[in-house]
Amino acid sequence: MAAIRPYHLVFDCADVRPVSEFWSALLDAKVSGASDGWAELEAVAGLPVLTFQAVPEAREVKNRLHVDFSVDDLDLVRQRVLDLGGTAVGPVQGTSSLWQVFADVEGNEFCICE
């Protein structure tokens, strides 16, 4: 059987530029390609390439798939997300390991886990 490997993780966006800039700043990864309605970040270790594409329809419901990121300091990264225009969707959760749900500038949800 042929191997299947993650290649790109694609975010649908109303406006590609602010979403790709948010993720570029959050992950400290440069936008390596961009054209009308499309952008891609440089590869980030441990992730498929993040790609952003413009779509005509608005996001109406919660993501059916999201990314969890592991960090050493949740408080520090939480502030970085907020400073970049992201929002905290819920409170910090967990006891032995902490995590929080966030949304990017267009509402795409992701988790930060300590």
PDB file of N, CA and C in Angstrom:
ATOM      1  N   MET A   1       0.843  -1.180   0.000  1.00  0.00           N
ATOM      2  CA  MET A   1       0.000   0.000   0.000  1.00  0.00           C
ATOM      3  C   MET A   1       0.891   1.247   0.000  1.00  0.00           C
ATOM      4  N   ALA A   2       0.503   2.261  -0.734  1.00  0.00           N
ATOM      5  CA  ALA A   2       1.265   3.508  -0.809  1.00  0.00           C
ATOM      6  C   ALA A   2       1.152   4.282   0.501  1.00  0.00           C
ATOM      7  N   ALA A   3       2.264   4.878   0.921  1.00  0.00           N
ATOM      8  CA  ALA A   3       2.285   5.671   2.149  1.00  0.00           C
ATOM      9  C   ALA A   3       1.521   6.974   1.946  1.00  0.00           C
ATOM     10  N   ILE A   4       0.785   7.369   2.968  1.00  0.00           N
ATOM     11  CA  ILE A   4       0.083   8.653   2.963  1.00  0.00           C
ATOM     12  C   ILE A   4       0.677   9.487   4.087  1.00  0.00           C
ATOM     13  N   ARG A   5       1.161  10.673   3.741  1.00  0.00           N
ATOM     14  CA  ARG A   5       1.802  11.548   4.706  1.00  0.00           C
ATOM     15  C   ARG A   5       1.164  12.934   4.669  1.00  0.00           C
ATOM     16  N   PRO A   6       1.098  13.628   5.820  1.00  0.00           N
ATOM     17  CA  PRO A   6       0.598  15.006   5.807  1.00  0.00           C
ATOM     18  C   PRO A   6       1.478  15.867   4.908  1.00  0.00           C
ATOM     19  N   TYR A   7       0.858  16.709   4.122  1.00  0.00           N
ATOM     20  CA  TYR A   7       1.579  17.547   3.165  1.00  0.00           C
ATOM     21  C   TYR A   7       1.315  19.017   3.450  1.00  0.00           C
ATOM     22  N   HIS A   8       0.068  19.415   3.426  1.00  0.00           N
ATOM     23  CA  HIS A   8      -0.341  20.776   3.741  1.00  0.00           C
ATOM     24  C   HIS A   8      -1.502  20.711   4.710  1.00  0.00           C
ATOM     25  N   LEU A   9      -1.580  21.681   5.578  1.00  0.00           N
ATOM     26  CA  LEU A   9      -2.746  21.905   6.413  1.00  0.00           C
ATOM     27  C   LEU A   9      -3.332  23.215   5.910  1.00  0.00           C
ATOM     28  N   VAL A  10      -4.529  23.167   5.331  1.00  0.00           N
ATOM     29  CA  VAL A  10      -5.094  24.309   4.617  1.00  0.00           C
ATOM     30  C   VAL A  10      -6.187  24.970   5.448  1.00  0.00           C
ATOM     31  N   PHE A  11      -6.072  26.276   5.614  1.00  0.00           N
ATOM     32  CA  PHE A  11      -7.081  27.081   6.290  1.00  0.00           C
ATOM     33  C   PHE A  11      -7.904  27.804   5.234  1.00  0.00           C
ATOM     34  N   ASP A  12      -9.214  27.640   5.250  1.00  0.00           N
ATOM     35  CA  ASP A  12     -10.086  28.445   4.402  1.00  0.00           C
ATOM     36  C   ASP A  12     -10.250  29.808   5.071  1.00  0.00           C
ATOM     37  N   CYS A  13     -10.194  30.870   4.273  1.00  0.00           N
ATOM     38  CA  CYS A  13     -10.230  32.232   4.816  1.00  0.00           C
ATOM     39  C   CYS A  13     -11.093  33.130   3.949  1.00  0.00           C
ATOM     40  N   ALA A  14     -11.681  34.133   4.564  1.00  0.00           N
ATOM     41  CA  ALA A  14     -12.330  35.193   3.802  1.00  0.00           C
ATOM     42  C   ALA A  14     -11.256  36.123   3.250  1.00  0.00           C
ATOM     43  N   ASP A  15     -10.249  36.420   4.089  1.00  0.00           N
ATOM     44  CA  ASP A  15      -9.160  37.316   3.701  1.00  0.00           C
ATOM     45  C   ASP A  15      -7.838  36.658   4.102  1.00  0.00           C
ATOM     46  N   VAL A  16      -7.103  36.183   3.134  1.00  0.00           N
ATOM     47  CA  VAL A  16      -5.884  35.409   3.365  1.00  0.00           C
ATOM     48  C   VAL A  16      -4.807  36.205   4.106  1.00  0.00           C
ATOM     49  N   ARG A  17      -4.639  37.461   3.762  1.00  0.00           N
ATOM     50  CA  ARG A  17      -3.517  38.232   4.312  1.00  0.00           C
ATOM     51  C   ARG A  17      -3.510  38.308   5.844  1.00  0.00           C
ATOM     52  N   PRO A  18      -4.578  38.779   6.510  1.00  0.00           N
ATOM     53  CA  PRO A  18      -4.495  38.863   7.973  1.00  0.00           C
ATOM     54  C   PRO A  18      -4.372  37.504   8.659  1.00  0.00           C
ATOM     55  N   VAL A  19      -4.982  36.483   8.088  1.00  0.00           N
ATOM     56  CA  VAL A  19      -4.891  35.152   8.706  1.00  0.00           C
ATOM     57  C   VAL A  19      -3.474  34.601   8.569  1.00  0.00           C
ATOM     58  N   SER A  20      -2.885  34.704   7.376  1.00  0.00           N
ATOM     59  CA  SER A  20      -1.518  34.207   7.194  1.00  0.00           C
ATOM     60  C   SER A  20      -0.523  35.032   8.009  1.00  0.00           C
ATOM     61  N   GLU A  21      -0.755  36.334   8.143  1.00  0.00           N
ATOM     62  CA  GLU A  21       0.133  37.170   8.963  1.00  0.00           C
ATOM     63  C   GLU A  21       0.027  36.809  10.440  1.00  0.00           C
ATOM     64  N   PHE A  22      -1.173  36.505  10.930  1.00  0.00           N
ATOM     65  CA  PHE A  22      -1.354  36.068  12.314  1.00  0.00           C
ATOM     66  C   PHE A  22      -0.527  34.812  12.578  1.00  0.00           C
ATOM     67  N   TRP A  23      -0.712  33.787  11.714  1.00  0.00           N
ATOM     68  CA  TRP A  23      -0.003  32.527  11.922  1.00  0.00           C
ATOM     69  C   TRP A  23       1.499  32.683  11.705  1.00  0.00           C
ATOM     70  N   SER A  24       1.903  33.517  10.783  1.00  0.00           N
ATOM     71  CA  SER A  24       3.324  33.787  10.556  1.00  0.00           C
ATOM     72  C   SER A  24       3.966  34.345  11.817  1.00  0.00           C
ATOM     73  N   ALA A  25       3.306  35.324  12.424  1.00  0.00           N
ATOM     74  CA  ALA A  25       3.844  35.939  13.642  1.00  0.00           C
ATOM     75  C   ALA A  25       3.797  34.980  14.823  1.00  0.00           C
ATOM     76  N   LEU A  26       2.705  34.251  14.966  1.00  0.00           N
ATOM     77  CA  LEU A  26       2.570  33.336  16.104  1.00  0.00           C
ATOM     78  C   LEU A  26       3.621  32.236  16.064  1.00  0.00           C
ATOM     79  N   LEU A  27       3.858  31.674  14.878  1.00  0.00           N
ATOM     80  CA  LEU A  27       4.781  30.548  14.749  1.00  0.00           C
ATOM     81  C   LEU A  27       6.189  30.964  14.345  1.00  0.00           C
ATOM     82  N   ASP A  28       6.409  32.276  14.193  1.00  0.00           N
ATOM     83  CA  ASP A  28       7.706  32.803  13.774  1.00  0.00           C
ATOM     84  C   ASP A  28       8.166  32.118  12.481  1.00  0.00           C
ATOM     85  N   ALA A  29       7.263  32.105  11.506  1.00  0.00           N
ATOM     86  CA  ALA A  29       7.531  31.481  10.209  1.00  0.00           C
ATOM     87  C   ALA A  29       7.170  32.480   9.113  1.00  0.00           C
ATOM     88  N   LYS A  30       8.068  32.673   8.180  1.00  0.00           N
ATOM     89  CA  LYS A  30       7.827  33.630   7.105  1.00  0.00           C
ATOM     90  C   LYS A  30       6.813  33.092   6.107  1.00  0.00           C
ATOM     91  N   VAL A  31       6.091  34.031   5.491  1.00  0.00           N
ATOM     92  CA  VAL A  31       5.230  33.665   4.375  1.00  0.00           C
ATOM     93  C   VAL A  31       6.161  33.396   3.205  1.00  0.00           C
ATOM     94  N   SER A  32       6.146  32.155   2.709  1.00  0.00           N
ATOM     95  CA  SER A  32       7.102  31.770   1.662  1.00  0.00           C
ATOM     96  C   SER A  32       6.509  31.849   0.272  1.00  0.00           C
ATOM     97  N   GLY A  33       5.220  31.944   0.180  1.00  0.00           N
ATOM     98  CA  GLY A  33       4.578  32.060  -1.118  1.00  0.00           C
ATOM     99  C   GLY A  33       3.243  32.731  -0.945  1.00  0.00           C
ATOM    100  N   ALA A  34       2.887  33.579  -1.861  1.00  0.00           N
ATOM    101  CA  ALA A  34       1.591  34.237  -1.803  1.00  0.00           C
ATOM    102  C   ALA A  34       1.194  34.675  -3.205  1.00  0.00           C
ATOM    103  N   SER A  35      -0.071  34.570  -3.477  1.00  0.00           N
ATOM    104  CA  SER A  35      -0.628  35.093  -4.711  1.00  0.00           C
ATOM    105  C   SER A  35      -2.056  35.497  -4.390  1.00  0.00           C
ATOM    106  N   ASP A  36      -2.789  35.923  -5.373  1.00  0.00           N
ATOM    107  CA  ASP A  36      -4.154  36.346  -5.150  1.00  0.00           C
ATOM    108  C   ASP A  36      -4.980  35.210  -4.560  1.00  0.00           C
ATOM    109  N   GLY A  37      -5.399  35.386  -3.330  1.00  0.00           N
ATOM    110  CA  GLY A  37      -6.253  34.391  -2.698  1.00  0.00           C
ATOM    111  C   GLY A  37      -5.560  33.181  -2.120  1.00  0.00           C
ATOM    112  N   TRP A  38      -4.240  33.262  -1.946  1.00  0.00           N
ATOM    113  CA  TRP A  38      -3.495  32.096  -1.456  1.00  0.00           C
ATOM    114  C   TRP A  38      -2.195  32.547  -0.799  1.00  0.00           C
ATOM    115  N   ALA A  39      -1.792  31.875   0.276  1.00  0.00           N
ATOM    116  CA  ALA A  39      -0.496  32.125   0.911  1.00  0.00           C
ATOM    117  C   ALA A  39      -0.048  30.835   1.591  1.00  0.00           C
ATOM    118  N   GLU A  40       1.257  30.728   1.794  1.00  0.00           N
ATOM    119  CA  GLU A  40       1.852  29.536   2.406  1.00  0.00           C
ATOM    120  C   GLU A  40       2.965  29.996   3.332  1.00  0.00           C
ATOM    121  N   LEU A  41       3.098  29.332   4.488  1.00  0.00           N
ATOM    122  CA  LEU A  41       4.192  29.636   5.415  1.00  0.00           C
ATOM    123  C   LEU A  41       5.360  28.703   5.169  1.00  0.00           C
ATOM    124  N   GLU A  42       6.548  29.175   5.540  1.00  0.00           N
ATOM    125  CA  GLU A  42       7.710  28.282   5.548  1.00  0.00           C
ATOM    126  C   GLU A  42       7.388  27.099   6.442  1.00  0.00           C
ATOM    127  N   ALA A  43       7.991  25.981   6.180  1.00  0.00           N
ATOM    128  CA  ALA A  43       7.771  24.788   6.996  1.00  0.00           C
ATOM    129  C   ALA A  43       8.161  25.049   8.443  1.00  0.00           C
ATOM    130  N   VAL A  44       7.334  24.582   9.353  1.00  0.00           N
ATOM    131  CA  VAL A  44       7.593  24.653  10.789  1.00  0.00           C
ATOM    132  C   VAL A  44       7.814  23.224  11.252  1.00  0.00           C
ATOM    133  N   ALA A  45       8.896  23.002  11.988  1.00  0.00           N
ATOM    134  CA  ALA A  45       9.223  21.648  12.441  1.00  0.00           C
ATOM    135  C   ALA A  45       8.019  20.990  13.109  1.00  0.00           C
ATOM    136  N   GLY A  46       7.739  19.770  12.695  1.00  0.00           N
ATOM    137  CA  GLY A  46       6.667  19.000  13.302  1.00  0.00           C
ATOM    138  C   GLY A  46       5.290  19.228  12.706  1.00  0.00           C
ATOM    139  N   LEU A  47       5.163  20.145  11.758  1.00  0.00           N
ATOM    140  CA  LEU A  47       3.860  20.433  11.144  1.00  0.00           C
ATOM    141  C   LEU A  47       3.926  20.267   9.637  1.00  0.00           C
ATOM    142  N   PRO A  48       2.805  19.897   9.027  1.00  0.00           N
ATOM    143  CA  PRO A  48       2.759  20.024   7.573  1.00  0.00           C
ATOM    144  C   PRO A  48       2.812  21.511   7.224  1.00  0.00           C
ATOM    145  N   VAL A  49       3.051  21.841   5.988  1.00  0.00           N
ATOM    146  CA  VAL A  49       3.083  23.233   5.555  1.00  0.00           C
ATOM    147  C   VAL A  49       1.704  23.849   5.787  1.00  0.00           C
ATOM    148  N   LEU A  50       1.663  25.036   6.404  1.00  0.00           N
ATOM    149  CA  LEU A  50       0.397  25.727   6.606  1.00  0.00           C
ATOM    150  C   LEU A  50       0.108  26.587   5.390  1.00  0.00           C
ATOM    151  N   THR A  51      -1.067  26.392   4.823  1.00  0.00           N
ATOM    152  CA  THR A  51      -1.488  27.088   3.618  1.00  0.00           C
ATOM    153  C   THR A  51      -2.825  27.763   3.891  1.00  0.00           C
ATOM    154  N   PHE A  52      -3.034  28.910   3.276  1.00  0.00           N
ATOM    155  CA  PHE A  52      -4.247  29.699   3.483  1.00  0.00           C
ATOM    156  C   PHE A  52      -4.853  30.008   2.126  1.00  0.00           C
ATOM    157  N   GLN A  53      -6.139  29.696   1.962  1.00  0.00           N
ATOM    158  CA  GLN A  53      -6.783  29.944   0.678  1.00  0.00           C
ATOM    159  C   GLN A  53      -8.092  30.695   0.890  1.00  0.00           C
ATOM    160  N   ALA A  54      -8.351  31.634   0.003  1.00  0.00           N
ATOM    161  CA  ALA A  54      -9.591  32.401   0.060  1.00  0.00           C
ATOM    162  C   ALA A  54     -10.750  31.542  -0.435  1.00  0.00           C
ATOM    163  N   VAL A  55     -11.853  31.614   0.279  1.00  0.00           N
ATOM    164  CA  VAL A  55     -13.068  30.929  -0.129  1.00  0.00           C
ATOM    165  C   VAL A  55     -14.223  31.928  -0.055  1.00  0.00           C
ATOM    166  N   PRO A  56     -15.231  31.756  -0.876  1.00  0.00           N
ATOM    167  CA  PRO A  56     -16.320  32.739  -0.912  1.00  0.00           C
ATOM    168  C   PRO A  56     -17.311  32.630   0.249  1.00  0.00           C
ATOM    169  N   GLU A  57     -17.454  31.444   0.813  1.00  0.00           N
ATOM    170  CA  GLU A  57     -18.452  31.282   1.869  1.00  0.00           C
ATOM    171  C   GLU A  57     -17.878  31.653   3.234  1.00  0.00           C
ATOM    172  N   ALA A  58     -18.739  32.159   4.112  1.00  0.00           N
ATOM    173  CA  ALA A  58     -18.340  32.534   5.473  1.00  0.00           C
ATOM    174  C   ALA A  58     -18.289  31.299   6.363  1.00  0.00           C
ATOM    175  N   ARG A  59     -17.436  31.355   7.359  1.00  0.00           N
ATOM    176  CA  ARG A  59     -17.393  30.301   8.367  1.00  0.00           C
ATOM    177  C   ARG A  59     -18.630  30.456   9.234  1.00  0.00           C
ATOM    178  N   GLU A  60     -19.384  29.356   9.419  1.00  0.00           N
ATOM    179  CA  GLU A  60     -20.635  29.456  10.159  1.00  0.00           C
ATOM    180  C   GLU A  60     -20.675  28.623  11.433  1.00  0.00           C
ATOM    181  N   VAL A  61     -19.844  27.605  11.538  1.00  0.00           N
ATOM    182  CA  VAL A  61     -19.872  26.729  12.711  1.00  0.00           C
ATOM    183  C   VAL A  61     -18.450  26.472  13.201  1.00  0.00           C
ATOM    184  N   LYS A  62     -18.362  25.826  14.339  1.00  0.00           N
ATOM    185  CA  LYS A  62     -17.075  25.465  14.930  1.00  0.00           C
ATOM    186  C   LYS A  62     -16.277  24.587  13.957  1.00  0.00           C
ATOM    187  N   ASN A  63     -14.950  24.718  14.004  1.00  0.00           N
ATOM    188  CA  ASN A  63     -14.075  23.857  13.201  1.00  0.00           C
ATOM    189  C   ASN A  63     -14.400  22.391  13.463  1.00  0.00           C
ATOM    190  N   ARG A  64     -14.313  21.584  12.444  1.00  0.00           N
ATOM    191  CA  ARG A  64     -14.443  20.147  12.620  1.00  0.00           C
ATOM    192  C   ARG A  64     -13.076  19.511  12.848  1.00  0.00           C
ATOM    193  N   LEU A  65     -12.026  20.253  12.607  1.00  0.00           N
ATOM    194  CA  LEU A  65     -10.653  19.812  12.819  1.00  0.00           C
ATOM    195  C   LEU A  65      -9.882  21.016  13.336  1.00  0.00           C
ATOM    196  N   HIS A  66      -9.020  20.800  14.318  1.00  0.00           N
ATOM    197  CA  HIS A  66      -8.183  21.899  14.794  1.00  0.00           C
ATOM    198  C   HIS A  66      -6.803  21.364  15.158  1.00  0.00           C
ATOM    199  N   VAL A  67      -5.866  22.284  15.314  1.00  0.00           N
ATOM    200  CA  VAL A  67      -4.488  21.933  15.651  1.00  0.00           C
ATOM    201  C   VAL A  67      -4.261  22.207  17.129  1.00  0.00           C
ATOM    202  N   ASP A  68      -3.576  21.303  17.810  1.00  0.00           N
ATOM    203  CA  ASP A  68      -3.121  21.512  19.185  1.00  0.00           C
ATOM    204  C   ASP A  68      -1.623  21.772  19.137  1.00  0.00           C
ATOM    205  N   PHE A  69      -1.183  22.801  19.855  1.00  0.00           N
ATOM    206  CA  PHE A  69       0.236  23.136  19.936  1.00  0.00           C
ATOM    207  C   PHE A  69       0.704  22.929  21.367  1.00  0.00           C
ATOM    208  N   SER A  70       1.885  22.373  21.522  1.00  0.00           N
ATOM    209  CA  SER A  70       2.486  22.155  22.829  1.00  0.00           C
ATOM    210  C   SER A  70       3.479  23.276  23.119  1.00  0.00           C
ATOM    211  N   VAL A  71       3.392  23.846  24.329  1.00  0.00           N
ATOM    212  CA  VAL A  71       4.291  24.934  24.734  1.00  0.00           C
ATOM    213  C   VAL A  71       4.788  24.686  26.149  1.00  0.00           C
ATOM    214  N   ASP A  72       5.855  25.372  26.506  1.00  0.00           N
ATOM    215  CA  ASP A  72       6.384  25.277  27.870  1.00  0.00           C
ATOM    216  C   ASP A  72       5.708  26.256  28.824  1.00  0.00           C
ATOM    217  N   ASP A  73       5.200  27.379  28.298  1.00  0.00           N
ATOM    218  CA  ASP A  73       4.640  28.433  29.139  1.00  0.00           C
ATOM    219  C   ASP A  73       3.333  28.940  28.528  1.00  0.00           C
ATOM    220  N   LEU A  74       2.227  28.401  28.998  1.00  0.00           N
ATOM    221  CA  LEU A  74       0.910  28.760  28.468  1.00  0.00           C
ATOM    222  C   LEU A  74       0.618  30.248  28.638  1.00  0.00           C
ATOM    223  N   ASP A  75       0.957  30.814  29.793  1.00  0.00           N
ATOM    224  CA  ASP A  75       0.677  32.232  30.032  1.00  0.00           C
ATOM    225  C   ASP A  75       1.382  33.125  29.021  1.00  0.00           C
ATOM    226  N   LEU A  76       2.629  32.832  28.736  1.00  0.00           N
ATOM    227  CA  LEU A  76       3.407  33.629  27.786  1.00  0.00           C
ATOM    228  C   LEU A  76       2.807  33.541  26.383  1.00  0.00           C
ATOM    229  N   VAL A  77       2.466  32.343  25.957  1.00  0.00           N
ATOM    230  CA  VAL A  77       1.914  32.158  24.611  1.00  0.00           C
ATOM    231  C   VAL A  77       0.496  32.723  24.529  1.00  0.00           C
ATOM    232  N   ARG A  78      -0.286  32.606  25.598  1.00  0.00           N
ATOM    233  CA  ARG A  78      -1.632  33.194  25.615  1.00  0.00           C
ATOM    234  C   ARG A  78      -1.545  34.688  25.320  1.00  0.00           C
ATOM    235  N   GLN A  79      -0.626  35.369  25.982  1.00  0.00           N
ATOM    236  CA  GLN A  79      -0.490  36.808  25.759  1.00  0.00           C
ATOM    237  C   GLN A  79      -0.061  37.107  24.333  1.00  0.00           C
ATOM    238  N   ARG A  80       0.792  36.279  23.779  1.00  0.00           N
ATOM    239  CA  ARG A  80       1.227  36.476  22.392  1.00  0.00           C
ATOM    240  C   ARG A  80       0.047  36.336  21.429  1.00  0.00           C
ATOM    241  N   VAL A  81      -0.788  35.314  21.640  1.00  0.00           N
ATOM    242  CA  VAL A  81      -1.973  35.123  20.801  1.00  0.00           C
ATOM    243  C   VAL A  81      -2.868  36.357  20.869  1.00  0.00           C
ATOM    244  N   LEU A  82      -3.119  36.842  22.072  1.00  0.00           N
ATOM    245  CA  LEU A  82      -3.991  38.008  22.257  1.00  0.00           C
ATOM    246  C   LEU A  82      -3.387  39.264  21.631  1.00  0.00           C
ATOM    247  N   ASP A  83      -2.097  39.456  21.785  1.00  0.00           N
ATOM    248  CA  ASP A  83      -1.417  40.621  21.206  1.00  0.00           C
ATOM    249  C   ASP A  83      -1.490  40.622  19.677  1.00  0.00           C
ATOM    250  N   LEU A  84      -1.559  39.434  19.083  1.00  0.00           N
ATOM    251  CA  LEU A  84      -1.615  39.317  17.623  1.00  0.00           C
ATOM    252  C   LEU A  84      -3.045  39.420  17.076  1.00  0.00           C
ATOM    253  N   GLY A  85      -4.029  39.587  17.957  1.00  0.00           N
ATOM    254  CA  GLY A  85      -5.404  39.730  17.514  1.00  0.00           C
ATOM    255  C   GLY A  85      -6.247  38.482  17.637  1.00  0.00           C
ATOM    256  N   GLY A  86      -5.668  37.419  18.179  1.00  0.00           N
ATOM    257  CA  GLY A  86      -6.439  36.208  18.437  1.00  0.00           C
ATOM    258  C   GLY A  86      -7.279  36.394  19.688  1.00  0.00           C
ATOM    259  N   THR A  87      -8.160  35.445  19.945  1.00  0.00           N
ATOM    260  CA  THR A  87      -9.021  35.519  21.120  1.00  0.00           C
ATOM    261  C   THR A  87      -8.994  34.203  21.877  1.00  0.00           C
ATOM    262  N   ALA A  88      -9.197  34.294  23.187  1.00  0.00           N
ATOM    263  CA  ALA A  88      -9.370  33.101  24.016  1.00  0.00           C
ATOM    264  C   ALA A  88     -10.836  32.702  23.906  1.00  0.00           C
ATOM    265  N   VAL A  89     -11.107  31.475  23.477  1.00  0.00           N
ATOM    266  CA  VAL A  89     -12.474  31.006  23.284  1.00  0.00           C
ATOM    267  C   VAL A  89     -13.057  30.500  24.597  1.00  0.00           C
ATOM    268  N   GLY A  90     -12.226  29.989  25.459  1.00  0.00           N
ATOM    269  CA  GLY A  90     -12.696  29.472  26.738  1.00  0.00           C
ATOM    270  C   GLY A  90     -11.627  29.652  27.789  1.00  0.00           C
ATOM    271  N   PRO A  91     -11.920  29.233  29.005  1.00  0.00           N
ATOM    272  CA  PRO A  91     -10.958  29.365  30.094  1.00  0.00           C
ATOM    273  C   PRO A  91      -9.839  28.328  30.007  1.00  0.00           C
ATOM    274  N   VAL A  92      -8.795  28.538  30.775  1.00  0.00           N
ATOM    275  CA  VAL A  92      -7.748  27.529  30.920  1.00  0.00           C
ATOM    276  C   VAL A  92      -8.391  26.312  31.570  1.00  0.00           C
ATOM    277  N   GLN A  93      -8.070  25.131  31.050  1.00  0.00           N
ATOM    278  CA  GLN A  93      -8.640  23.898  31.573  1.00  0.00           C
ATOM    279  C   GLN A  93      -7.527  22.929  31.938  1.00  0.00           C
ATOM    280  N   GLY A  94      -7.870  21.927  32.721  1.00  0.00           N
ATOM    281  CA  GLY A  94      -6.919  20.890  33.092  1.00  0.00           C
ATOM    282  C   GLY A  94      -6.353  21.112  34.471  1.00  0.00           C
ATOM    283  N   THR A  95      -5.728  20.080  34.985  1.00  0.00           N
ATOM    284  CA  THR A  95      -5.093  20.159  36.297  1.00  0.00           C
ATOM    285  C   THR A  95      -3.618  19.795  36.195  1.00  0.00           C
ATOM    286  N   SER A  96      -3.302  18.566  35.823  1.00  0.00           N
ATOM    287  CA  SER A  96      -1.893  18.177  35.715  1.00  0.00           C
ATOM    288  C   SER A  96      -1.257  18.752  34.456  1.00  0.00           C
ATOM    289  N   SER A  97      -2.035  18.881  33.374  1.00  0.00           N
ATOM    290  CA  SER A  97      -1.563  19.591  32.187  1.00  0.00           C
ATOM    291  C   SER A  97      -2.640  20.604  31.815  1.00  0.00           C
ATOM    292  N   LEU A  98      -2.210  21.787  31.475  1.00  0.00           N
ATOM    293  CA  LEU A  98      -3.140  22.873  31.191  1.00  0.00           C
ATOM    294  C   LEU A  98      -3.299  23.065  29.695  1.00  0.00           C
ATOM    295  N   TRP A  99      -4.486  23.515  29.267  1.00  0.00           N
ATOM    296  CA  TRP A  99      -4.722  23.830  27.873  1.00  0.00           C
ATOM    297  C   TRP A  99      -5.827  24.867  27.765  1.00  0.00           C
ATOM    298  N   GLN A 100      -5.822  25.571  26.630  1.00  0.00           N
ATOM    299  CA  GLN A 100      -6.824  26.598  26.387  1.00  0.00           C
ATOM    300  C   GLN A 100      -7.141  26.645  24.898  1.00  0.00           C
ATOM    301  N   VAL A 101      -8.410  26.875  24.581  1.00  0.00           N
ATOM    302  CA  VAL A 101      -8.851  27.023  23.193  1.00  0.00           C
ATOM    303  C   VAL A 101      -8.748  28.497  22.812  1.00  0.00           C
ATOM    304  N   PHE A 102      -8.214  28.736  21.615  1.00  0.00           N
ATOM    305  CA  PHE A 102      -8.089  30.093  21.072  1.00  0.00           C
ATOM    306  C   PHE A 102      -8.683  30.115  19.678  1.00  0.00           C
ATOM    307  N   ALA A 103      -8.868  31.319  19.143  1.00  0.00           N
ATOM    308  CA  ALA A 103      -9.279  31.492  17.756  1.00  0.00           C
ATOM    309  C   ALA A 103      -8.366  32.528  17.117  1.00  0.00           C
ATOM    310  N   ASP A 104      -8.042  32.327  15.831  1.00  0.00           N
ATOM    311  CA  ASP A 104      -7.233  33.307  15.109  1.00  0.00           C
ATOM    312  C   ASP A 104      -8.110  34.495  14.703  1.00  0.00           C
ATOM    313  N   VAL A 105      -7.606  35.363  13.882  1.00  0.00           N
ATOM    314  CA  VAL A 105      -8.305  36.594  13.529  1.00  0.00           C
ATOM    315  C   VAL A 105      -9.586  36.384  12.720  1.00  0.00           C
ATOM    316  N   GLU A 106      -9.798  35.181  12.183  1.00  0.00           N
ATOM    317  CA  GLU A 106     -11.052  34.872  11.474  1.00  0.00           C
ATOM    318  C   GLU A 106     -11.872  33.809  12.205  1.00  0.00           C
ATOM    319  N   GLY A 107     -11.466  33.464  13.428  1.00  0.00           N
ATOM    320  CA  GLY A 107     -12.244  32.526  14.211  1.00  0.00           C
ATOM    321  C   GLY A 107     -11.852  31.076  14.082  1.00  0.00           C
ATOM    322  N   ASN A 108     -10.774  30.762  13.341  1.00  0.00           N
ATOM    323  CA  ASN A 108     -10.302  29.378  13.248  1.00  0.00           C
ATOM    324  C   ASN A 108      -9.751  28.967  14.605  1.00  0.00           C
ATOM    325  N   GLU A 109     -10.294  27.914  15.174  1.00  0.00           N
ATOM    326  CA  GLU A 109      -9.918  27.517  16.531  1.00  0.00           C
ATOM    327  C   GLU A 109      -8.701  26.601  16.557  1.00  0.00           C
ATOM    328  N   PHE A 110      -7.930  26.729  17.652  1.00  0.00           N
ATOM    329  CA  PHE A 110      -6.760  25.890  17.908  1.00  0.00           C
ATOM    330  C   PHE A 110      -6.549  25.858  19.407  1.00  0.00           C
ATOM    331  N   CYS A 111      -5.771  24.892  19.881  1.00  0.00           N
ATOM    332  CA  CYS A 111      -5.496  24.766  21.317  1.00  0.00           C
ATOM    333  C   CYS A 111      -4.016  24.962  21.580  1.00  0.00           C
ATOM    334  N   ILE A 112      -3.739  25.569  22.723  1.00  0.00           N
ATOM    335  CA  ILE A 112      -2.380  25.664  23.231  1.00  0.00           C
ATOM    336  C   ILE A 112      -2.351  24.822  24.495  1.00  0.00           C
ATOM    337  N   CYS A 113      -1.435  23.872  24.549  1.00  0.00           N
ATOM    338  CA  CYS A 113      -1.347  22.916  25.660  1.00  0.00           C
ATOM    339  C   CYS A 113       0.016  23.038  26.326  1.00  0.00           C
ATOM    340  N   GLU A 114      -0.007  23.079  27.659  1.00  0.00           N
ATOM    341  CA  GLU A 114       1.249  23.156  28.411  1.00  0.00           C
ATOM    342  C   GLU A 114       1.571  21.784  28.979  1.00  0.00           C
TER     343      GLU A 114
END
